[in-house]
């Protein structure tokens, strides 16, 4: 019995639809102000008819600084200070023109750093 050779399968090309997405990264020292800003962004995106993934809390960066209390006396006496940087990530799926205008006109509280990146 001889085996019949099958012709190689041709890959079927599917039309690719470019899914647009806006990725927003927020940073801040105060967690409450940061959460308030993320809720404003999510509310604006949902109101304009876009899908939202997030807010996703990213790991908090903690920086600890140790300082001498007195330069000459009591060398062992030290004080520690820390700064915590909280981060959030929001993805806006299939943004519309209204979404972009809504995000542009949005006023965020002071102390919140925002980075907007368009991902195709």
PDB file of N, CA and C in Angstrom:
ATOM      1  N   UNK A   1       0.832  -1.175   0.000  1.00  0.00           N
ATOM      2  CA  UNK A   1       0.000   0.000   0.000  1.00  0.00           C
ATOM      3  C   UNK A   1       0.880   1.243   0.000  1.00  0.00           C
ATOM      4  N   UNK A   2       0.670   2.038  -0.962  1.00  0.00           N
ATOM      5  CA  UNK A   2       1.433   3.283  -1.073  1.00  0.00           C
ATOM      6  C   UNK A   2       0.629   4.417  -0.448  1.00  0.00           C
ATOM      7  N   UNK A   3       1.336   5.263   0.272  1.00  0.00           N
ATOM      8  CA  UNK A   3       0.675   6.400   0.890  1.00  0.00           C
ATOM      9  C   UNK A   3       0.520   7.511  -0.138  1.00  0.00           C
ATOM     10  N   UNK A   4      -0.635   8.140  -0.092  1.00  0.00           N
ATOM     11  CA  UNK A   4      -0.864   9.257  -0.994  1.00  0.00           C
ATOM     12  C   UNK A   4      -0.361  10.528  -0.329  1.00  0.00           C
ATOM     13  N   UNK A   5       0.342  11.325  -1.089  1.00  0.00           N
ATOM     14  CA  UNK A   5       0.853  12.583  -0.554  1.00  0.00           C
ATOM     15  C   UNK A   5      -0.239  13.635  -0.611  1.00  0.00           C
ATOM     16  N   UNK A   6      -0.392  14.316   0.491  1.00  0.00           N
ATOM     17  CA  UNK A   6      -1.400  15.371   0.550  1.00  0.00           C
ATOM     18  C   UNK A   6      -0.733  16.689   0.172  1.00  0.00           C
ATOM     19  N   UNK A   7      -1.457  17.515  -0.564  1.00  0.00           N
ATOM     20  CA  UNK A   7      -0.863  18.822  -0.889  1.00  0.00           C
ATOM     21  C   UNK A   7      -0.765  19.670   0.392  1.00  0.00           C
ATOM     22  N   UNK A   8       0.291  20.496   0.510  1.00  0.00           N
ATOM     23  CA  UNK A   8       0.428  21.317   1.723  1.00  0.00           C
ATOM     24  C   UNK A   8      -0.724  22.304   1.844  1.00  0.00           C
ATOM     25  N   UNK A   9      -1.142  22.493   3.089  1.00  0.00           N
ATOM     26  CA  UNK A   9      -2.267  23.401   3.341  1.00  0.00           C
ATOM     27  C   UNK A   9      -1.808  24.847   3.204  1.00  0.00           C
ATOM     28  N   UNK A  10      -2.608  25.623   2.538  1.00  0.00           N
ATOM     29  CA  UNK A  10      -2.337  27.049   2.405  1.00  0.00           C
ATOM     30  C   UNK A  10      -2.958  27.761   3.597  1.00  0.00           C
ATOM     31  N   UNK A  11      -2.207  28.636   4.237  1.00  0.00           N
ATOM     32  CA  UNK A  11      -2.794  29.363   5.368  1.00  0.00           C
ATOM     33  C   UNK A  11      -3.882  30.315   4.887  1.00  0.00           C
ATOM     34  N   UNK A  12      -4.953  30.317   5.634  1.00  0.00           N
ATOM     35  CA  UNK A  12      -6.071  31.186   5.298  1.00  0.00           C
ATOM     36  C   UNK A  12      -5.802  32.556   5.930  1.00  0.00           C
ATOM     37  N   UNK A  13      -5.785  33.578   5.103  1.00  0.00           N
ATOM     38  CA  UNK A  13      -5.525  34.919   5.604  1.00  0.00           C
ATOM     39  C   UNK A  13      -6.835  35.556   6.049  1.00  0.00           C
ATOM     40  N   UNK A  14      -6.817  36.001   7.269  1.00  0.00           N
ATOM     41  CA  UNK A  14      -7.991  36.675   7.806  1.00  0.00           C
ATOM     42  C   UNK A  14      -7.724  38.172   7.771  1.00  0.00           C
ATOM     43  N   UNK A  15      -8.729  38.945   7.459  1.00  0.00           N
ATOM     44  CA  UNK A  15      -8.501  40.394   7.464  1.00  0.00           C
ATOM     45  C   UNK A  15      -8.259  40.867   8.894  1.00  0.00           C
ATOM     46  N   UNK A  16      -7.155  41.569   9.071  1.00  0.00           N
ATOM     47  CA  UNK A  16      -6.796  42.049  10.406  1.00  0.00           C
ATOM     48  C   UNK A  16      -7.459  43.389  10.664  1.00  0.00           C
ATOM     49  N   UNK A  17      -8.136  43.458  11.776  1.00  0.00           N
ATOM     50  CA  UNK A  17      -8.733  44.710  12.183  1.00  0.00           C
ATOM     51  C   UNK A  17      -7.852  45.313  13.266  1.00  0.00           C
ATOM     52  N   UNK A  18      -7.432  46.518  13.021  1.00  0.00           N
ATOM     53  CA  UNK A  18      -6.571  47.179  13.991  1.00  0.00           C
ATOM     54  C   UNK A  18      -7.406  47.606  15.185  1.00  0.00           C
ATOM     55  N   UNK A  19      -7.143  46.982  16.305  1.00  0.00           N
ATOM     56  CA  UNK A  19      -7.848  47.349  17.532  1.00  0.00           C
ATOM     57  C   UNK A  19      -7.085  48.497  18.166  1.00  0.00           C
ATOM     58  N   UNK A  20      -7.759  49.598  18.310  1.00  0.00           N
ATOM     59  CA  UNK A  20      -7.113  50.760  18.895  1.00  0.00           C
ATOM     60  C   UNK A  20      -7.315  50.743  20.399  1.00  0.00           C
ATOM     61  N   UNK A  21      -6.304  51.260  21.073  1.00  0.00           N
ATOM     62  CA  UNK A  21      -6.340  51.247  22.526  1.00  0.00           C
ATOM     63  C   UNK A  21      -5.517  52.433  23.029  1.00  0.00           C
ATOM     64  N   UNK A  22      -5.989  53.035  24.086  1.00  0.00           N
ATOM     65  CA  UNK A  22      -5.243  54.099  24.750  1.00  0.00           C
ATOM     66  C   UNK A  22      -4.833  53.575  26.117  1.00  0.00           C
ATOM     67  N   UNK A  23      -3.531  53.647  26.398  1.00  0.00           N
ATOM     68  CA  UNK A  23      -3.021  53.192  27.693  1.00  0.00           C
ATOM     69  C   UNK A  23      -2.637  54.417  28.515  1.00  0.00           C
ATOM     70  N   UNK A  24      -3.196  54.506  29.712  1.00  0.00           N
ATOM     71  CA  UNK A  24      -2.953  55.650  30.594  1.00  0.00           C
ATOM     72  C   UNK A  24      -2.272  55.141  31.862  1.00  0.00           C
ATOM     73  N   UNK A  25      -1.110  55.734  32.165  1.00  0.00           N
ATOM     74  CA  UNK A  25      -0.378  55.398  33.394  1.00  0.00           C
ATOM     75  C   UNK A  25      -0.422  56.598  34.325  1.00  0.00           C
ATOM     76  N   UNK A  26      -0.840  56.358  35.541  1.00  0.00           N
ATOM     77  CA  UNK A  26      -0.940  57.425  36.535  1.00  0.00           C
ATOM     78  C   UNK A  26       0.026  57.132  37.687  1.00  0.00           C
ATOM     79  N   UNK A  27       0.691  58.186  38.171  1.00  0.00           N
ATOM     80  CA  UNK A  27       1.582  58.063  39.325  1.00  0.00           C
ATOM     81  C   UNK A  27       1.251  59.167  40.312  1.00  0.00           C
ATOM     82  N   UNK A  28       1.391  58.850  41.579  1.00  0.00           N
ATOM     83  CA  UNK A  28       1.137  59.868  42.594  1.00  0.00           C
ATOM     84  C   UNK A  28       1.612  59.407  43.953  1.00  0.00           C
ATOM     85  N   UNK A  29       1.825  60.387  44.838  1.00  0.00           N
ATOM     86  CA  UNK A  29       2.261  60.074  46.197  1.00  0.00           C
ATOM     87  C   UNK A  29       1.086  59.806  47.118  1.00  0.00           C
ATOM     88  N   UNK A  30      -0.068  60.398  46.836  1.00  0.00           N
ATOM     89  CA  UNK A  30      -1.251  60.237  47.677  1.00  0.00           C
ATOM     90  C   UNK A  30      -2.212  59.259  47.005  1.00  0.00           C
ATOM     91  N   UNK A  31      -2.523  58.179  47.672  1.00  0.00           N
ATOM     92  CA  UNK A  31      -3.343  57.114  47.094  1.00  0.00           C
ATOM     93  C   UNK A  31      -4.789  57.561  46.872  1.00  0.00           C
ATOM     94  N   UNK A  32      -5.337  58.358  47.767  1.00  0.00           N
ATOM     95  CA  UNK A  32      -6.731  58.791  47.629  1.00  0.00           C
ATOM     96  C   UNK A  32      -6.923  59.708  46.428  1.00  0.00           C
ATOM     97  N   UNK A  33      -5.997  60.637  46.234  1.00  0.00           N
ATOM     98  CA  UNK A  33      -6.095  61.542  45.086  1.00  0.00           C
ATOM     99  C   UNK A  33      -5.932  60.762  43.789  1.00  0.00           C
ATOM    100  N   UNK A  34      -5.038  59.785  43.792  1.00  0.00           N
ATOM    101  CA  UNK A  34      -4.810  58.956  42.604  1.00  0.00           C
ATOM    102  C   UNK A  34      -6.056  58.145  42.252  1.00  0.00           C
ATOM    103  N   UNK A  35      -6.713  57.567  43.256  1.00  0.00           N
ATOM    104  CA  UNK A  35      -7.931  56.799  43.010  1.00  0.00           C
ATOM    105  C   UNK A  35      -9.068  57.692  42.514  1.00  0.00           C
ATOM    106  N   UNK A  36      -9.130  58.914  43.014  1.00  0.00           N
ATOM    107  CA  UNK A  36     -10.150  59.853  42.550  1.00  0.00           C
ATOM    108  C   UNK A  36      -9.920  60.219  41.082  1.00  0.00           C
ATOM    109  N   UNK A  37      -8.665  60.407  40.696  1.00  0.00           N
ATOM    110  CA  UNK A  37      -8.342  60.731  39.308  1.00  0.00           C
ATOM    111  C   UNK A  37      -8.665  59.556  38.379  1.00  0.00           C
ATOM    112  N   UNK A  38      -8.363  58.326  38.821  1.00  0.00           N
ATOM    113  CA  UNK A  38      -8.670  57.164  37.989  1.00  0.00           C
ATOM    114  C   UNK A  38     -10.173  56.985  37.821  1.00  0.00           C
ATOM    115  N   UNK A  39     -10.937  57.235  38.880  1.00  0.00           N
ATOM    116  CA  UNK A  39     -12.388  57.095  38.756  1.00  0.00           C
ATOM    117  C   UNK A  39     -12.960  58.146  37.804  1.00  0.00           C
ATOM    118  N   UNK A  40     -12.388  59.367  37.791  1.00  0.00           N
ATOM    119  CA  UNK A  40     -12.826  60.392  36.842  1.00  0.00           C
ATOM    120  C   UNK A  40     -12.552  59.964  35.404  1.00  0.00           C
ATOM    121  N   UNK A  41     -11.384  59.391  35.159  1.00  0.00           N
ATOM    122  CA  UNK A  41     -11.022  58.950  33.807  1.00  0.00           C
ATOM    123  C   UNK A  41     -11.912  57.809  33.356  1.00  0.00           C
ATOM    124  N   UNK A  42     -12.149  56.838  34.236  1.00  0.00           N
ATOM    125  CA  UNK A  42     -13.000  55.689  33.889  1.00  0.00           C
ATOM    126  C   UNK A  42     -14.433  56.139  33.626  1.00  0.00           C
ATOM    127  N   UNK A  43     -14.935  57.043  34.445  1.00  0.00           N
ATOM    128  CA  UNK A  43     -16.301  57.550  34.268  1.00  0.00           C
ATOM    129  C   UNK A  43     -16.438  58.288  32.939  1.00  0.00           C
ATOM    130  N   UNK A  44     -15.443  59.101  32.574  1.00  0.00           N
ATOM    131  CA  UNK A  44     -15.467  59.829  31.305  1.00  0.00           C
ATOM    132  C   UNK A  44     -15.449  58.870  30.125  1.00  0.00           C
ATOM    133  N   UNK A  45     -14.629  57.836  30.194  1.00  0.00           N
ATOM    134  CA  UNK A  45     -14.527  56.875  29.099  1.00  0.00           C
ATOM    135  C   UNK A  45     -15.824  56.076  28.946  1.00  0.00           C
ATOM    136  N   UNK A  46     -16.419  55.654  30.039  1.00  0.00           N
ATOM    137  CA  UNK A  46     -17.665  54.881  29.961  1.00  0.00           C
ATOM    138  C   UNK A  46     -18.823  55.734  29.471  1.00  0.00           C
ATOM    139  N   UNK A  47     -18.844  57.000  29.877  1.00  0.00           N
ATOM    140  CA  UNK A  47     -19.921  57.903  29.469  1.00  0.00           C
ATOM    141  C   UNK A  47     -19.903  58.146  27.953  1.00  0.00           C
ATOM    142  N   UNK A  48     -18.712  58.133  27.345  1.00  0.00           N
ATOM    143  CA  UNK A  48     -18.596  58.389  25.912  1.00  0.00           C
ATOM    144  C   UNK A  48     -18.708  57.119  25.076  1.00  0.00           C
ATOM    145  N   UNK A  49     -18.929  55.975  25.707  1.00  0.00           N
ATOM    146  CA  UNK A  49     -19.192  54.749  24.963  1.00  0.00           C
ATOM    147  C   UNK A  49     -17.972  53.903  24.653  1.00  0.00           C
ATOM    148  N   UNK A  50     -16.874  54.083  25.355  1.00  0.00           N
ATOM    149  CA  UNK A  50     -15.680  53.262  25.140  1.00  0.00           C
ATOM    150  C   UNK A  50     -15.588  52.200  26.220  1.00  0.00           C
ATOM    151  N   UNK A  51     -14.915  51.116  25.894  1.00  0.00           N
ATOM    152  CA  UNK A  51     -14.687  50.071  26.880  1.00  0.00           C
ATOM    153  C   UNK A  51     -13.487  50.421  27.737  1.00  0.00           C
ATOM    154  N   UNK A  52     -13.504  49.961  28.986  1.00  0.00           N
ATOM    155  CA  UNK A  52     -12.423  50.281  29.911  1.00  0.00           C
ATOM    156  C   UNK A  52     -11.928  48.998  30.561  1.00  0.00           C
ATOM    157  N   UNK A  53     -10.607  48.836  30.595  1.00  0.00           N
ATOM    158  CA  UNK A  53      -9.985  47.741  31.330  1.00  0.00           C
ATOM    159  C   UNK A  53      -9.155  48.367  32.447  1.00  0.00           C
ATOM    160  N   UNK A  54      -9.583  48.157  33.663  1.00  0.00           N
ATOM    161  CA  UNK A  54      -8.818  48.720  34.774  1.00  0.00           C
ATOM    162  C   UNK A  54      -9.707  49.530  35.681  1.00  0.00           C
ATOM    163  N   UNK A  55      -9.204  50.269  36.567  1.00  0.00           N
ATOM    164  CA  UNK A  55      -7.793  50.560  36.838  1.00  0.00           C
ATOM    165  C   UNK A  55      -7.075  49.388  37.502  1.00  0.00           C
ATOM    166  N   UNK A  56      -5.865  49.145  37.045  1.00  0.00           N
ATOM    167  CA  UNK A  56      -5.047  48.060  37.564  1.00  0.00           C
ATOM    168  C   UNK A  56      -3.995  48.669  38.488  1.00  0.00           C
ATOM    169  N   UNK A  57      -3.994  48.309  39.765  1.00  0.00           N
ATOM    170  CA  UNK A  57      -2.955  48.845  40.650  1.00  0.00           C
ATOM    171  C   UNK A  57      -1.619  48.153  40.383  1.00  0.00           C
ATOM    172  N   UNK A  58      -0.609  48.946  40.104  1.00  0.00           N
ATOM    173  CA  UNK A  58       0.736  48.427  39.874  1.00  0.00           C
ATOM    174  C   UNK A  58       1.489  48.430  41.210  1.00  0.00           C
ATOM    175  N   UNK A  59       2.619  47.730  41.297  1.00  0.00           N
ATOM    176  CA  UNK A  59       3.362  47.698  42.572  1.00  0.00           C
ATOM    177  C   UNK A  59       3.793  49.090  43.029  1.00  0.00           C
ATOM    178  N   UNK A  60       3.681  49.327  44.307  1.00  0.00           N
ATOM    179  CA  UNK A  60       4.051  50.612  44.896  1.00  0.00           C
ATOM    180  C   UNK A  60       5.555  50.656  45.115  1.00  0.00           C
ATOM    181  N   UNK A  61       6.169  51.757  44.678  1.00  0.00           N
ATOM    182  CA  UNK A  61       7.607  51.925  44.877  1.00  0.00           C
ATOM    183  C   UNK A  61       7.826  52.627  46.214  1.00  0.00           C
ATOM    184  N   UNK A  62       8.671  52.044  47.024  1.00  0.00           N
ATOM    185  CA  UNK A  62       8.908  52.562  48.370  1.00  0.00           C
ATOM    186  C   UNK A  62      10.375  52.937  48.498  1.00  0.00           C
ATOM    187  N   UNK A  63      10.640  54.211  48.751  1.00  0.00           N
ATOM    188  CA  UNK A  63      12.010  54.692  48.923  1.00  0.00           C
ATOM    189  C   UNK A  63      12.191  55.114  50.375  1.00  0.00           C
ATOM    190  N   UNK A  64      13.198  54.552  51.036  1.00  0.00           N
ATOM    191  CA  UNK A  64      13.461  54.846  52.436  1.00  0.00           C
ATOM    192  C   UNK A  64      14.776  55.609  52.536  1.00  0.00           C
ATOM    193  N   UNK A  65      14.757  56.722  53.259  1.00  0.00           N
ATOM    194  CA  UNK A  65      15.948  57.538  53.476  1.00  0.00           C
ATOM    195  C   UNK A  65      16.266  57.548  54.959  1.00  0.00           C
ATOM    196  N   UNK A  66      17.530  57.282  55.313  1.00  0.00           N
ATOM    197  CA  UNK A  66      17.978  57.295  56.701  1.00  0.00           C
ATOM    198  C   UNK A  66      18.867  58.513  56.906  1.00  0.00           C
ATOM    199  N   UNK A  67      18.577  59.287  57.938  1.00  0.00           N
ATOM    200  CA  UNK A  67      19.273  60.544  58.194  1.00  0.00           C
ATOM    201  C   UNK A  67      19.749  60.557  59.645  1.00  0.00           C
ATOM    202  N   UNK A  68      20.952  61.107  59.854  1.00  0.00           N
ATOM    203  CA  UNK A  68      21.439  61.294  61.228  1.00  0.00           C
ATOM    204  C   UNK A  68      20.633  62.399  61.895  1.00  0.00           C
ATOM    205  N   UNK A  69      20.247  62.214  63.144  1.00  0.00           N
ATOM    206  CA  UNK A  69      19.479  63.241  63.849  1.00  0.00           C
ATOM    207  C   UNK A  69      20.365  64.437  64.214  1.00  0.00           C
ATOM    208  N   UNK A  70      21.571  64.141  64.648  1.00  0.00           N
ATOM    209  CA  UNK A  70      22.504  65.197  65.021  1.00  0.00           C
ATOM    210  C   UNK A  70      23.860  64.853  64.410  1.00  0.00           C
ATOM    211  N   UNK A  71      24.541  65.808  63.773  1.00  0.00           N
ATOM    212  CA  UNK A  71      25.792  65.475  63.101  1.00  0.00           C
ATOM    213  C   UNK A  71      26.942  65.116  64.050  1.00  0.00           C
ATOM    214  N   UNK A  72      26.972  65.641  65.265  1.00  0.00           N
ATOM    215  CA  UNK A  72      28.129  65.417  66.137  1.00  0.00           C
ATOM    216  C   UNK A  72      27.840  64.484  67.301  1.00  0.00           C
ATOM    217  N   UNK A  73      26.707  64.662  67.938  1.00  0.00           N
ATOM    218  CA  UNK A  73      26.395  63.904  69.145  1.00  0.00           C
ATOM    219  C   UNK A  73      25.458  62.752  68.783  1.00  0.00           C
ATOM    220  N   UNK A  74      25.588  61.652  69.481  1.00  0.00           N
ATOM    221  CA  UNK A  74      24.701  60.493  69.289  1.00  0.00           C
ATOM    222  C   UNK A  74      24.732  59.973  67.851  1.00  0.00           C
ATOM    223  N   UNK A  75      25.827  59.393  67.515  1.00  0.00           N
ATOM    224  CA  UNK A  75      26.010  58.871  66.154  1.00  0.00           C
ATOM    225  C   UNK A  75      24.995  57.767  65.829  1.00  0.00           C
ATOM    226  N   UNK A  76      24.575  57.017  66.829  1.00  0.00           N
ATOM    227  CA  UNK A  76      23.661  55.903  66.604  1.00  0.00           C
ATOM    228  C   UNK A  76      22.211  56.327  66.467  1.00  0.00           C
ATOM    229  N   UNK A  77      21.916  57.567  66.792  1.00  0.00           N
ATOM    230  CA  UNK A  77      20.546  58.050  66.723  1.00  0.00           C
ATOM    231  C   UNK A  77      20.229  58.494  65.293  1.00  0.00           C
ATOM    232  N   UNK A  78      19.338  57.779  64.640  1.00  0.00           N
ATOM    233  CA  UNK A  78      18.997  58.076  63.253  1.00  0.00           C
ATOM    234  C   UNK A  78      17.493  58.149  63.078  1.00  0.00           C
ATOM    235  N   UNK A  79      17.097  58.797  62.002  1.00  0.00           N
ATOM    236  CA  UNK A  79      15.678  58.954  61.702  1.00  0.00           C
ATOM    237  C   UNK A  79      15.443  58.444  60.283  1.00  0.00           C
ATOM    238  N   UNK A  80      14.307  57.771  60.053  1.00  0.00           N
ATOM    239  CA  UNK A  80      14.010  57.242  58.725  1.00  0.00           C
ATOM    240  C   UNK A  80      12.756  57.898  58.158  1.00  0.00           C
ATOM    241  N   UNK A  81      12.835  58.222  56.871  1.00  0.00           N
ATOM    242  CA  UNK A  81      11.710  58.785  56.137  1.00  0.00           C
ATOM    243  C   UNK A  81      11.472  57.915  54.912  1.00  0.00           C
ATOM    244  N   UNK A  82      10.219  57.854  54.477  1.00  0.00           N
ATOM    245  CA  UNK A  82       9.936  57.075  53.264  1.00  0.00           C
ATOM    246  C   UNK A  82       8.972  57.818  52.365  1.00  0.00           C
ATOM    247  N   UNK A  83       9.123  57.570  51.078  1.00  0.00           N
ATOM    248  CA  UNK A  83       8.220  58.111  50.069  1.00  0.00           C
ATOM    249  C   UNK A  83       7.653  56.927  49.314  1.00  0.00           C
ATOM    250  N   UNK A  84       6.336  56.862  49.225  1.00  0.00           N
ATOM    251  CA  UNK A  84       5.682  55.795  48.463  1.00  0.00           C
ATOM    252  C   UNK A  84       5.097  56.379  47.193  1.00  0.00           C
ATOM    253  N   UNK A  85       5.406  55.744  46.058  1.00  0.00           N
ATOM    254  CA  UNK A  85       4.878  56.173  44.771  1.00  0.00           C
ATOM    255  C   UNK A  85       3.872  55.123  44.314  1.00  0.00           C
ATOM    256  N   UNK A  86       2.602  55.504  44.279  1.00  0.00           N
ATOM    257  CA  UNK A  86       1.527  54.605  43.868  1.00  0.00           C
ATOM    258  C   UNK A  86       1.314  54.756  42.373  1.00  0.00           C
ATOM    259  N   UNK A  87       0.994  53.646  41.690  1.00  0.00           N
ATOM    260  CA  UNK A  87       0.809  53.673  40.238  1.00  0.00           C
ATOM    261  C   UNK A  87      -0.481  52.952  39.869  1.00  0.00           C
ATOM    262  N   UNK A  88      -1.135  53.441  38.820  1.00  0.00           N
ATOM    263  CA  UNK A  88      -2.342  52.807  38.282  1.00  0.00           C
ATOM    264  C   UNK A  88      -2.225  52.746  36.766  1.00  0.00           C
ATOM    265  N   UNK A  89      -2.856  51.734  36.180  1.00  0.00           N
ATOM    266  CA  UNK A  89      -2.843  51.546  34.737  1.00  0.00           C
ATOM    267  C   UNK A  89      -4.281  51.396  34.259  1.00  0.00           C
ATOM    268  N   UNK A  90      -4.654  52.158  33.220  1.00  0.00           N
ATOM    269  CA  UNK A  90      -5.999  52.099  32.652  1.00  0.00           C
ATOM    270  C   UNK A  90      -5.869  51.917  31.154  1.00  0.00           C
ATOM    271  N   UNK A  91      -6.608  50.968  30.590  1.00  0.00           N
ATOM    272  CA  UNK A  91      -6.677  50.781  29.145  1.00  0.00           C
ATOM    273  C   UNK A  91      -8.066  51.179  28.678  1.00  0.00           C
ATOM    274  N   UNK A  92      -8.126  52.067  27.696  1.00  0.00           N
ATOM    275  CA  UNK A  92      -9.403  52.455  27.093  1.00  0.00           C
ATOM    276  C   UNK A  92      -9.473  51.776  25.736  1.00  0.00           C
ATOM    277  N   UNK A  93     -10.445  50.887  25.577  1.00  0.00           N
ATOM    278  CA  UNK A  93     -10.580  50.087  24.369  1.00  0.00           C
ATOM    279  C   UNK A  93     -11.533  50.757  23.384  1.00  0.00           C
ATOM    280  N   UNK A  94     -11.166  50.767  22.117  1.00  0.00           N
ATOM    281  CA  UNK A  94     -11.953  51.364  21.034  1.00  0.00           C
ATOM    282  C   UNK A  94     -12.408  52.786  21.364  1.00  0.00           C
ATOM    283  N   UNK A  95     -11.463  53.720  21.528  1.00  0.00           N
ATOM    284  CA  UNK A  95     -11.850  55.089  21.878  1.00  0.00           C
ATOM    285  C   UNK A  95     -12.516  55.804  20.703  1.00  0.00           C
ATOM    286  N   UNK A  96     -13.460  56.644  21.011  1.00  0.00           N
ATOM    287  CA  UNK A  96     -14.143  57.443  19.999  1.00  0.00           C
ATOM    288  C   UNK A  96     -13.621  58.876  20.076  1.00  0.00           C
ATOM    289  N   UNK A  97     -14.092  59.714  19.164  1.00  0.00           N
ATOM    290  CA  UNK A  97     -13.700  61.119  19.186  1.00  0.00           C
ATOM    291  C   UNK A  97     -14.169  61.819  20.444  1.00  0.00           C
ATOM    292  N   UNK A  98     -15.361  61.430  20.901  1.00  0.00           N
ATOM    293  CA  UNK A  98     -15.892  62.029  22.135  1.00  0.00           C
ATOM    294  C   UNK A  98     -15.013  61.659  23.333  1.00  0.00           C
ATOM    295  N   UNK A  99     -14.480  60.446  23.309  1.00  0.00           N
ATOM    296  CA  UNK A  99     -13.620  60.010  24.413  1.00  0.00           C
ATOM    297  C   UNK A  99     -12.361  60.861  24.474  1.00  0.00           C
ATOM    298  N   UNK A 100     -11.750  61.095  23.325  1.00  0.00           N
ATOM    299  CA  UNK A 100     -10.527  61.894  23.297  1.00  0.00           C
ATOM    300  C   UNK A 100     -10.788  63.320  23.759  1.00  0.00           C
ATOM    301  N   UNK A 101     -11.901  63.907  23.307  1.00  0.00           N
ATOM    302  CA  UNK A 101     -12.230  65.265  23.725  1.00  0.00           C
ATOM    303  C   UNK A 101     -12.541  65.324  25.220  1.00  0.00           C
ATOM    304  N   UNK A 102     -13.218  64.306  25.716  1.00  0.00           N
ATOM    305  CA  UNK A 102     -13.534  64.251  27.141  1.00  0.00           C
ATOM    306  C   UNK A 102     -12.281  64.144  27.998  1.00  0.00           C
ATOM    307  N   UNK A 103     -11.298  63.355  27.524  1.00  0.00           N
ATOM    308  CA  UNK A 103     -10.056  63.215  28.271  1.00  0.00           C
ATOM    309  C   UNK A 103      -9.226  64.496  28.230  1.00  0.00           C
ATOM    310  N   UNK A 104      -9.286  65.212  27.099  1.00  0.00           N
ATOM    311  CA  UNK A 104      -8.538  66.469  26.986  1.00  0.00           C
ATOM    312  C   UNK A 104      -9.101  67.534  27.921  1.00  0.00           C
ATOM    313  N   UNK A 105     -10.417  67.575  28.060  1.00  0.00           N
ATOM    314  CA  UNK A 105     -11.044  68.615  28.873  1.00  0.00           C
ATOM    315  C   UNK A 105     -11.082  68.253  30.363  1.00  0.00           C
ATOM    316  N   UNK A 106     -10.632  67.056  30.711  1.00  0.00           N
ATOM    317  CA  UNK A 106     -10.660  66.597  32.102  1.00  0.00           C
ATOM    318  C   UNK A 106      -9.569  67.292  32.917  1.00  0.00           C
ATOM    319  N   UNK A 107      -9.947  67.810  34.072  1.00  0.00           N
ATOM    320  CA  UNK A 107      -8.958  68.430  34.954  1.00  0.00           C
ATOM    321  C   UNK A 107      -8.622  67.457  36.073  1.00  0.00           C
ATOM    322  N   UNK A 108      -7.342  67.144  36.193  1.00  0.00           N
ATOM    323  CA  UNK A 108      -6.885  66.216  37.218  1.00  0.00           C
ATOM    324  C   UNK A 108      -6.311  66.993  38.398  1.00  0.00           C
ATOM    325  N   UNK A 109      -6.402  66.438  39.607  1.00  0.00           N
ATOM    326  CA  UNK A 109      -5.865  67.138  40.775  1.00  0.00           C
ATOM    327  C   UNK A 109      -4.337  67.241  40.713  1.00  0.00           C
ATOM    328  N   UNK A 110      -3.806  68.229  41.430  1.00  0.00           N
ATOM    329  CA  UNK A 110      -2.359  68.403  41.487  1.00  0.00           C
ATOM    330  C   UNK A 110      -1.734  67.221  42.216  1.00  0.00           C
ATOM    331  N   UNK A 111      -0.546  66.842  41.788  1.00  0.00           N
ATOM    332  CA  UNK A 111       0.148  65.726  42.421  1.00  0.00           C
ATOM    333  C   UNK A 111      -0.057  64.409  41.706  1.00  0.00           C
ATOM    334  N   UNK A 112      -0.731  64.432  40.546  1.00  0.00           N
ATOM    335  CA  UNK A 112      -0.938  63.216  39.770  1.00  0.00           C
ATOM    336  C   UNK A 112      -0.205  63.370  38.446  1.00  0.00           C
ATOM    337  N   UNK A 113       0.743  62.468  38.183  1.00  0.00           N
ATOM    338  CA  UNK A 113       1.482  62.470  36.931  1.00  0.00           C
ATOM    339  C   UNK A 113       0.778  61.515  35.978  1.00  0.00           C
ATOM    340  N   UNK A 114       0.506  61.964  34.754  1.00  0.00           N
ATOM    341  CA  UNK A 114      -0.232  61.148  33.803  1.00  0.00           C
ATOM    342  C   UNK A 114       0.571  61.010  32.520  1.00  0.00           C
ATOM    343  N   UNK A 115       0.599  59.782  31.980  1.00  0.00           N
ATOM    344  CA  UNK A 115       1.243  59.509  30.693  1.00  0.00           C
ATOM    345  C   UNK A 115       0.233  58.773  29.833  1.00  0.00           C
ATOM    346  N   UNK A 116      -0.035  59.330  28.656  1.00  0.00           N
ATOM    347  CA  UNK A 116      -1.015  58.739  27.741  1.00  0.00           C
ATOM    348  C   UNK A 116      -0.276  58.197  26.535  1.00  0.00           C
ATOM    349  N   UNK A 117      -0.563  56.952  26.179  1.00  0.00           N
ATOM    350  CA  UNK A 117       0.111  56.315  25.063  1.00  0.00           C
ATOM    351  C   UNK A 117      -0.935  55.617  24.198  1.00  0.00           C
ATOM    352  N   UNK A 118      -0.901  55.882  22.872  1.00  0.00           N
ATOM    353  CA  UNK A 118      -1.822  55.243  21.949  1.00  0.00           C
ATOM    354  C   UNK A 118      -1.178  53.955  21.435  1.00  0.00           C
ATOM    355  N   UNK A 119      -1.871  52.838  21.629  1.00  0.00           N
ATOM    356  CA  UNK A 119      -1.370  51.540  21.196  1.00  0.00           C
ATOM    357  C   UNK A 119      -2.288  51.019  20.109  1.00  0.00           C
ATOM    358  N   UNK A 120      -1.708  50.614  18.988  1.00  0.00           N
ATOM    359  CA  UNK A 120      -2.546  50.111  17.887  1.00  0.00           C
ATOM    360  C   UNK A 120      -2.682  48.612  17.945  1.00  0.00           C
TER     361      UNK A 120
END
